[in-house]
Amino acid sequence: MEDYKILLLKSGDVDKVWKGIKPLIEDGLSTIDGNDVRKHLTTSDYYEWAKKDLIQVFIVVKENKIKLMTITQLLPYPRFKVLEYLMVSGVELKEFSDRLAQTVEDFANAEKCERMIVTARKGIKKYLKDWEEIKDKHQINLIKEL
C-alpha cells in the first residue's frame, strides 16, 4: 500500500480542499432517493456545517488526491454523547476502511462518546466488522414536506 494520510479537516481548511470533497459529497447525496428533486440535503449544507464545525470531515489523501471521505456528527444525548456517521464516499474503501474506521473511533473516544451509530446501505456492514446490527422490523425512514 502506498503512503496515504487520514486527516480531520479543521473549519479553516474547508475552503482549501472543498474542490476535492464536493464531488464526493455529491456522489454520496446521489444515493438518496429523490434528493435530486427534493433537495433535502445539498453540498452547500455540508459546506456550511463544516465551516461552522457542526460536522467532522475525515479525508483520506493518497498521491495528493482525496480518495475517500467520511462525514460524522457529534450528538449530545441527555445521558451520553454519540458520534453518528453521516456519509462515507469515495474510492478504494476496501483499502482504507480499517484505518479510517479506527481513526474515527479514536476521535469518538477522545470526544468521550459512548456510542457510534451509522445508517447506511447494507454493503457498509462488511467494512464495520465489529459493529452490532440493530434490527427493527417496524422501522422505516419517512419524510414530510412542510
N, C-alpha and C. Protein backbone atom coordinates (compact mmCIF):
# COMPACT_ATOMS: atom_id res chain seq x y z
N MET A 1 0.85 -1.18 0.00
CA MET A 1 0.00 0.00 0.00
C MET A 1 0.89 1.24 0.00
N GLU A 2 0.58 2.14 -0.87
CA GLU A 2 1.35 3.38 -0.95
C GLU A 2 1.04 4.27 0.24
N ASP A 3 1.89 5.27 0.43
CA ASP A 3 1.67 6.20 1.53
C ASP A 3 0.36 6.94 1.36
N TYR A 4 -0.34 7.07 2.45
CA TYR A 4 -1.58 7.85 2.47
C TYR A 4 -1.73 8.46 3.84
N LYS A 5 -2.55 9.48 3.92
CA LYS A 5 -2.79 10.17 5.17
C LYS A 5 -4.29 10.24 5.41
N ILE A 6 -4.67 10.15 6.67
CA ILE A 6 -6.05 10.40 7.06
C ILE A 6 -6.04 11.65 7.90
N LEU A 7 -6.81 12.63 7.48
CA LEU A 7 -6.82 13.93 8.14
C LEU A 7 -8.23 14.31 8.56
N LEU A 8 -8.32 14.95 9.71
CA LEU A 8 -9.58 15.56 10.15
C LEU A 8 -9.49 17.03 9.79
N LEU A 9 -10.39 17.46 8.92
CA LEU A 9 -10.35 18.85 8.48
C LEU A 9 -10.71 19.81 9.61
N LYS A 10 -10.02 20.90 9.66
CA LYS A 10 -10.38 21.99 10.55
C LYS A 10 -11.26 22.94 9.75
N SER A 11 -12.12 23.66 10.42
CA SER A 11 -13.05 24.54 9.71
C SER A 11 -12.31 25.54 8.81
N GLY A 12 -11.15 25.99 9.23
CA GLY A 12 -10.38 26.93 8.44
C GLY A 12 -9.76 26.35 7.19
N ASP A 13 -9.74 25.01 7.09
CA ASP A 13 -9.15 24.35 5.93
C ASP A 13 -10.18 23.89 4.90
N VAL A 14 -11.45 24.06 5.20
CA VAL A 14 -12.50 23.58 4.31
C VAL A 14 -12.37 24.19 2.92
N ASP A 15 -12.17 25.49 2.84
CA ASP A 15 -12.07 26.14 1.53
C ASP A 15 -10.89 25.61 0.71
N LYS A 16 -9.81 25.23 1.39
CA LYS A 16 -8.61 24.76 0.69
C LYS A 16 -8.85 23.42 -0.02
N VAL A 17 -9.74 22.59 0.51
CA VAL A 17 -9.95 21.25 -0.07
C VAL A 17 -11.36 21.05 -0.62
N TRP A 18 -12.17 22.08 -0.57
CA TRP A 18 -13.57 21.94 -0.98
C TRP A 18 -13.70 21.38 -2.40
N LYS A 19 -12.85 21.81 -3.29
CA LYS A 19 -12.88 21.34 -4.68
C LYS A 19 -12.72 19.82 -4.74
N GLY A 20 -11.97 19.25 -3.82
CA GLY A 20 -11.74 17.81 -3.80
C GLY A 20 -12.82 17.01 -3.10
N ILE A 21 -13.49 17.62 -2.10
CA ILE A 21 -14.51 16.86 -1.37
C ILE A 21 -15.93 17.08 -1.91
N LYS A 22 -16.16 18.20 -2.57
CA LYS A 22 -17.51 18.48 -3.09
C LYS A 22 -18.02 17.35 -4.00
N PRO A 23 -17.22 16.85 -4.97
CA PRO A 23 -17.73 15.75 -5.81
C PRO A 23 -18.04 14.47 -5.01
N LEU A 24 -17.29 14.24 -3.94
CA LEU A 24 -17.56 13.06 -3.11
C LEU A 24 -18.88 13.22 -2.36
N ILE A 25 -19.15 14.43 -1.90
CA ILE A 25 -20.43 14.69 -1.23
C ILE A 25 -21.57 14.56 -2.24
N GLU A 26 -21.38 15.11 -3.43
CA GLU A 26 -22.41 14.98 -4.47
C GLU A 26 -22.70 13.52 -4.76
N ASP A 27 -21.65 12.71 -4.84
CA ASP A 27 -21.83 11.29 -5.09
C ASP A 27 -22.60 10.63 -3.96
N GLY A 28 -22.27 10.98 -2.73
CA GLY A 28 -22.99 10.43 -1.57
C GLY A 28 -24.45 10.85 -1.56
N LEU A 29 -24.71 12.10 -1.90
CA LEU A 29 -26.09 12.59 -1.93
C LEU A 29 -26.90 11.94 -3.05
N SER A 30 -26.23 11.53 -4.11
CA SER A 30 -26.95 10.93 -5.24
C SER A 30 -27.58 9.59 -4.88
N THR A 31 -27.18 9.00 -3.77
CA THR A 31 -27.75 7.71 -3.37
C THR A 31 -29.05 7.87 -2.60
N ILE A 32 -29.42 9.10 -2.27
CA ILE A 32 -30.68 9.34 -1.54
C ILE A 32 -31.80 9.49 -2.55
N ASP A 33 -32.73 8.55 -2.55
CA ASP A 33 -33.85 8.59 -3.50
C ASP A 33 -34.58 9.93 -3.45
N GLY A 34 -34.71 10.56 -4.58
CA GLY A 34 -35.48 11.79 -4.69
C GLY A 34 -34.76 13.04 -4.25
N ASN A 35 -33.53 12.91 -3.73
CA ASN A 35 -32.81 14.10 -3.26
C ASN A 35 -32.51 15.06 -4.40
N ASP A 36 -32.35 14.53 -5.62
CA ASP A 36 -32.08 15.41 -6.76
C ASP A 36 -33.25 16.34 -7.03
N VAL A 37 -34.46 15.92 -6.71
CA VAL A 37 -35.65 16.75 -6.92
C VAL A 37 -35.99 17.53 -5.65
N ARG A 38 -36.01 16.83 -4.53
CA ARG A 38 -36.46 17.40 -3.27
C ARG A 38 -35.41 18.32 -2.65
N LYS A 39 -34.12 18.06 -2.93
CA LYS A 39 -33.01 18.83 -2.36
C LYS A 39 -33.07 18.84 -0.84
N HIS A 40 -33.37 17.66 -0.29
CA HIS A 40 -33.40 17.51 1.17
C HIS A 40 -32.08 17.95 1.78
N LEU A 41 -30.97 17.51 1.16
CA LEU A 41 -29.64 17.92 1.57
C LEU A 41 -28.86 18.35 0.33
N THR A 42 -28.00 19.32 0.50
CA THR A 42 -27.18 19.80 -0.62
C THR A 42 -25.72 19.88 -0.19
N THR A 43 -24.84 20.01 -1.17
CA THR A 43 -23.43 20.19 -0.83
C THR A 43 -23.23 21.46 -0.03
N SER A 44 -24.04 22.48 -0.31
CA SER A 44 -23.95 23.74 0.44
C SER A 44 -24.23 23.54 1.92
N ASP A 45 -25.17 22.64 2.22
CA ASP A 45 -25.46 22.34 3.63
C ASP A 45 -24.21 21.80 4.32
N TYR A 46 -23.55 20.84 3.68
CA TYR A 46 -22.35 20.25 4.27
C TYR A 46 -21.22 21.27 4.35
N TYR A 47 -21.10 22.12 3.37
CA TYR A 47 -20.08 23.18 3.38
C TYR A 47 -20.30 24.09 4.60
N GLU A 48 -21.53 24.56 4.78
CA GLU A 48 -21.82 25.45 5.92
C GLU A 48 -21.58 24.75 7.25
N TRP A 49 -22.00 23.51 7.36
CA TRP A 49 -21.81 22.76 8.61
C TRP A 49 -20.32 22.59 8.91
N ALA A 50 -19.54 22.27 7.87
CA ALA A 50 -18.09 22.09 8.08
C ALA A 50 -17.43 23.40 8.48
N LYS A 51 -17.83 24.49 7.84
CA LYS A 51 -17.24 25.80 8.17
C LYS A 51 -17.58 26.22 9.59
N LYS A 52 -18.72 25.76 10.11
CA LYS A 52 -19.15 26.13 11.47
C LYS A 52 -18.79 25.06 12.50
N ASP A 53 -18.00 24.07 12.09
CA ASP A 53 -17.60 22.96 12.98
C ASP A 53 -18.79 22.18 13.53
N LEU A 54 -19.86 22.09 12.77
CA LEU A 54 -21.03 21.32 13.21
C LEU A 54 -20.93 19.86 12.79
N ILE A 55 -20.01 19.57 11.87
CA ILE A 55 -19.73 18.20 11.44
C ILE A 55 -18.21 18.02 11.41
N GLN A 56 -17.80 16.77 11.31
CA GLN A 56 -16.38 16.47 11.16
C GLN A 56 -16.20 15.82 9.79
N VAL A 57 -15.19 16.26 9.07
CA VAL A 57 -14.89 15.70 7.75
C VAL A 57 -13.50 15.07 7.84
N PHE A 58 -13.47 13.76 7.70
CA PHE A 58 -12.22 13.00 7.67
C PHE A 58 -11.93 12.68 6.21
N ILE A 59 -10.71 12.96 5.76
CA ILE A 59 -10.35 12.67 4.38
C ILE A 59 -9.15 11.74 4.32
N VAL A 60 -9.16 10.88 3.32
CA VAL A 60 -8.03 10.01 3.04
C VAL A 60 -7.34 10.57 1.80
N VAL A 61 -6.06 10.94 1.96
CA VAL A 61 -5.29 11.54 0.86
C VAL A 61 -4.20 10.56 0.45
N LYS A 62 -4.13 10.31 -0.84
CA LYS A 62 -3.10 9.44 -1.41
C LYS A 62 -2.65 10.08 -2.71
N GLU A 63 -1.35 10.20 -2.88
CA GLU A 63 -0.77 10.83 -4.07
C GLU A 63 -1.36 12.23 -4.29
N ASN A 64 -1.49 12.98 -3.22
CA ASN A 64 -2.02 14.35 -3.23
C ASN A 64 -3.43 14.46 -3.77
N LYS A 65 -4.19 13.38 -3.67
CA LYS A 65 -5.57 13.38 -4.14
C LYS A 65 -6.47 12.82 -3.04
N ILE A 66 -7.63 13.44 -2.85
CA ILE A 66 -8.58 12.94 -1.86
C ILE A 66 -9.28 11.71 -2.46
N LYS A 67 -9.07 10.56 -1.83
CA LYS A 67 -9.61 9.31 -2.33
C LYS A 67 -10.94 8.95 -1.68
N LEU A 68 -11.08 9.33 -0.43
CA LEU A 68 -12.21 8.87 0.36
C LEU A 68 -12.47 9.87 1.46
N MET A 69 -13.71 10.00 1.86
CA MET A 69 -14.01 10.87 3.00
C MET A 69 -15.17 10.30 3.79
N THR A 70 -15.17 10.64 5.03
CA THR A 70 -16.24 10.28 5.94
C THR A 70 -16.68 11.56 6.66
N ILE A 71 -17.97 11.74 6.75
CA ILE A 71 -18.52 12.88 7.50
C ILE A 71 -19.24 12.33 8.71
N THR A 72 -18.95 12.90 9.86
CA THR A 72 -19.59 12.49 11.11
C THR A 72 -20.16 13.71 11.81
N GLN A 73 -20.96 13.42 12.83
CA GLN A 73 -21.54 14.49 13.64
C GLN A 73 -21.61 14.02 15.08
N LEU A 74 -21.24 14.89 16.00
CA LEU A 74 -21.35 14.58 17.42
C LEU A 74 -22.75 14.97 17.90
N LEU A 75 -23.39 14.03 18.58
CA LEU A 75 -24.76 14.26 19.06
C LEU A 75 -24.78 14.19 20.58
N PRO A 76 -25.19 15.26 21.24
CA PRO A 76 -25.27 15.24 22.71
C PRO A 76 -26.62 14.68 23.18
N TYR A 77 -26.67 13.39 23.44
CA TYR A 77 -27.88 12.80 24.00
C TYR A 77 -27.95 13.22 25.47
N PRO A 78 -29.12 13.10 26.10
CA PRO A 78 -29.23 13.53 27.50
C PRO A 78 -28.27 12.83 28.46
N ARG A 79 -28.00 11.53 28.25
CA ARG A 79 -27.16 10.79 29.19
C ARG A 79 -25.76 10.52 28.69
N PHE A 80 -25.50 10.71 27.41
CA PHE A 80 -24.17 10.43 26.86
C PHE A 80 -24.03 11.09 25.49
N LYS A 81 -22.84 11.02 24.96
CA LYS A 81 -22.55 11.60 23.65
C LYS A 81 -22.39 10.48 22.63
N VAL A 82 -22.86 10.75 21.40
CA VAL A 82 -22.83 9.77 20.32
C VAL A 82 -22.16 10.40 19.11
N LEU A 83 -21.38 9.59 18.39
CA LEU A 83 -20.86 10.01 17.10
C LEU A 83 -21.67 9.29 16.03
N GLU A 84 -22.26 10.05 15.12
CA GLU A 84 -23.04 9.47 14.04
C GLU A 84 -22.31 9.65 12.72
N TYR A 85 -22.14 8.57 11.99
CA TYR A 85 -21.63 8.63 10.62
C TYR A 85 -22.76 9.18 9.74
N LEU A 86 -22.49 10.24 9.02
CA LEU A 86 -23.49 10.80 8.10
C LEU A 86 -23.26 10.34 6.67
N MET A 87 -21.99 10.15 6.30
CA MET A 87 -21.69 9.79 4.92
C MET A 87 -20.29 9.21 4.82
N VAL A 88 -20.16 8.23 3.93
CA VAL A 88 -18.86 7.72 3.50
C VAL A 88 -18.90 7.73 1.98
N SER A 89 -17.92 8.34 1.35
CA SER A 89 -17.94 8.44 -0.10
C SER A 89 -16.52 8.49 -0.64
N GLY A 90 -16.34 7.89 -1.80
CA GLY A 90 -15.04 7.93 -2.45
C GLY A 90 -14.67 6.60 -3.05
N VAL A 91 -13.39 6.42 -3.29
CA VAL A 91 -12.89 5.20 -3.91
C VAL A 91 -11.92 4.51 -2.97
N GLU A 92 -11.64 3.28 -3.26
CA GLU A 92 -10.67 2.48 -2.51
C GLU A 92 -11.09 2.28 -1.05
N LEU A 93 -12.38 2.15 -0.82
CA LEU A 93 -12.88 1.92 0.54
C LEU A 93 -12.28 0.65 1.13
N LYS A 94 -12.17 -0.37 0.32
CA LYS A 94 -11.62 -1.64 0.81
C LYS A 94 -10.20 -1.46 1.34
N GLU A 95 -9.42 -0.67 0.64
CA GLU A 95 -8.03 -0.45 1.02
C GLU A 95 -7.88 0.36 2.30
N PHE A 96 -8.76 1.33 2.50
CA PHE A 96 -8.59 2.28 3.60
C PHE A 96 -9.58 2.11 4.75
N SER A 97 -10.57 1.26 4.61
CA SER A 97 -11.68 1.23 5.57
C SER A 97 -11.25 0.96 7.01
N ASP A 98 -10.37 -0.01 7.22
CA ASP A 98 -9.98 -0.34 8.59
C ASP A 98 -9.31 0.84 9.29
N ARG A 99 -8.37 1.45 8.63
CA ARG A 99 -7.64 2.56 9.26
C ARG A 99 -8.54 3.79 9.42
N LEU A 100 -9.40 4.05 8.43
CA LEU A 100 -10.32 5.19 8.54
C LEU A 100 -11.31 4.97 9.69
N ALA A 101 -11.87 3.78 9.78
CA ALA A 101 -12.80 3.48 10.87
C ALA A 101 -12.12 3.61 12.23
N GLN A 102 -10.86 3.17 12.33
CA GLN A 102 -10.13 3.29 13.59
C GLN A 102 -9.86 4.75 13.93
N THR A 103 -9.55 5.56 12.92
CA THR A 103 -9.32 6.99 13.14
C THR A 103 -10.59 7.67 13.67
N VAL A 104 -11.71 7.34 13.08
CA VAL A 104 -12.99 7.91 13.54
C VAL A 104 -13.30 7.43 14.95
N GLU A 105 -13.06 6.15 15.22
CA GLU A 105 -13.31 5.63 16.57
C GLU A 105 -12.39 6.29 17.61
N ASP A 106 -11.14 6.49 17.26
CA ASP A 106 -10.22 7.19 18.17
C ASP A 106 -10.72 8.60 18.46
N PHE A 107 -11.21 9.28 17.43
CA PHE A 107 -11.78 10.62 17.61
C PHE A 107 -12.98 10.56 18.55
N ALA A 108 -13.87 9.60 18.33
CA ALA A 108 -15.07 9.46 19.17
C ALA A 108 -14.68 9.22 20.63
N ASN A 109 -13.68 8.38 20.85
CA ASN A 109 -13.20 8.13 22.21
C ASN A 109 -12.62 9.41 22.83
N ALA A 110 -11.86 10.15 22.06
CA ALA A 110 -11.28 11.40 22.56
C ALA A 110 -12.36 12.41 22.91
N GLU A 111 -13.48 12.35 22.21
CA GLU A 111 -14.61 13.24 22.47
C GLU A 111 -15.54 12.71 23.56
N LYS A 112 -15.16 11.60 24.18
CA LYS A 112 -15.91 10.96 25.27
C LYS A 112 -17.27 10.45 24.82
N CYS A 113 -17.35 9.99 23.57
CA CYS A 113 -18.58 9.38 23.08
C CYS A 113 -18.72 7.97 23.67
N GLU A 114 -19.95 7.59 23.95
CA GLU A 114 -20.20 6.24 24.43
C GLU A 114 -20.66 5.31 23.33
N ARG A 115 -21.10 5.89 22.19
CA ARG A 115 -21.57 5.07 21.09
C ARG A 115 -21.24 5.73 19.77
N MET A 116 -21.23 4.89 18.75
CA MET A 116 -21.18 5.38 17.38
C MET A 116 -22.35 4.71 16.66
N ILE A 117 -22.99 5.46 15.78
CA ILE A 117 -24.11 4.90 15.02
C ILE A 117 -23.93 5.24 13.55
N VAL A 118 -24.49 4.40 12.71
CA VAL A 118 -24.43 4.63 11.27
C VAL A 118 -25.73 4.13 10.65
N THR A 119 -26.26 4.92 9.75
CA THR A 119 -27.37 4.49 8.90
C THR A 119 -26.82 4.53 7.49
N ALA A 120 -26.77 3.38 6.85
CA ALA A 120 -26.11 3.31 5.55
C ALA A 120 -26.68 2.15 4.73
N ARG A 121 -26.17 2.04 3.52
CA ARG A 121 -26.54 0.89 2.70
C ARG A 121 -25.98 -0.36 3.36
N LYS A 122 -26.63 -1.48 3.13
CA LYS A 122 -26.23 -2.73 3.78
C LYS A 122 -24.79 -3.12 3.49
N GLY A 123 -24.24 -2.72 2.35
CA GLY A 123 -22.88 -3.08 1.98
C GLY A 123 -21.81 -2.56 2.92
N ILE A 124 -22.12 -1.51 3.68
CA ILE A 124 -21.13 -0.93 4.59
C ILE A 124 -20.81 -1.88 5.74
N LYS A 125 -21.73 -2.79 6.02
CA LYS A 125 -21.55 -3.69 7.16
C LYS A 125 -20.26 -4.50 7.07
N LYS A 126 -19.86 -4.90 5.85
CA LYS A 126 -18.65 -5.72 5.72
C LYS A 126 -17.39 -4.94 6.08
N TYR A 127 -17.46 -3.60 6.09
CA TYR A 127 -16.32 -2.78 6.46
C TYR A 127 -16.31 -2.41 7.94
N LEU A 128 -17.42 -2.62 8.61
CA LEU A 128 -17.54 -2.32 10.04
C LEU A 128 -17.80 -3.64 10.76
N LYS A 129 -16.78 -4.48 10.79
CA LYS A 129 -16.89 -5.86 11.22
C LYS A 129 -17.32 -6.04 12.68
N ASP A 130 -16.86 -5.20 13.55
CA ASP A 130 -17.16 -5.40 14.97
C ASP A 130 -18.36 -4.57 15.44
N TRP A 131 -19.18 -4.13 14.50
CA TRP A 131 -20.38 -3.38 14.84
C TRP A 131 -21.56 -4.34 14.97
N GLU A 132 -22.48 -3.98 15.84
CA GLU A 132 -23.69 -4.77 16.04
C GLU A 132 -24.81 -4.17 15.19
N GLU A 133 -25.47 -5.03 14.44
CA GLU A 133 -26.61 -4.56 13.67
C GLU A 133 -27.86 -4.61 14.54
N ILE A 134 -28.55 -3.50 14.60
CA ILE A 134 -29.80 -3.43 15.36
C ILE A 134 -30.93 -3.54 14.36
N LYS A 135 -31.65 -4.63 14.46
CA LYS A 135 -32.75 -4.86 13.52
C LYS A 135 -34.06 -4.44 14.17
N ASP A 136 -34.84 -3.75 13.41
CA ASP A 136 -36.14 -3.32 13.87
C ASP A 136 -37.11 -3.50 12.72
N LYS A 137 -37.91 -4.53 12.80
CA LYS A 137 -38.80 -4.83 11.69
C LYS A 137 -39.87 -3.76 11.50
N HIS A 138 -39.98 -2.85 12.44
CA HIS A 138 -41.01 -1.83 12.35
C HIS A 138 -40.48 -0.47 11.91
N GLN A 139 -39.17 -0.34 11.71
CA GLN A 139 -38.58 0.96 11.41
C GLN A 139 -38.60 1.23 9.91
N ILE A 140 -38.89 2.48 9.58
CA ILE A 140 -38.90 2.94 8.20
C ILE A 140 -38.48 4.41 8.20
N ASN A 141 -37.85 4.87 7.15
CA ASN A 141 -37.49 6.28 7.03
C ASN A 141 -38.61 7.00 6.27
N LEU A 142 -39.13 8.04 6.87
CA LEU A 142 -40.21 8.82 6.27
C LEU A 142 -39.80 10.28 6.19
N ILE A 143 -40.41 11.00 5.27
CA ILE A 143 -40.20 12.44 5.16
C ILE A 143 -41.53 13.09 4.81
N LYS A 144 -41.76 14.27 5.35
CA LYS A 144 -42.97 15.03 5.05
C LYS A 144 -42.56 16.47 4.78
N GLU A 145 -42.89 16.95 3.61
CA GLU A 145 -42.60 18.33 3.26
C GLU A 145 -43.59 19.25 3.98
N LEU A 146 -43.11 20.35 4.49
CA LEU A 146 -43.98 21.33 5.16
C LEU A 146 -44.03 22.62 4.39
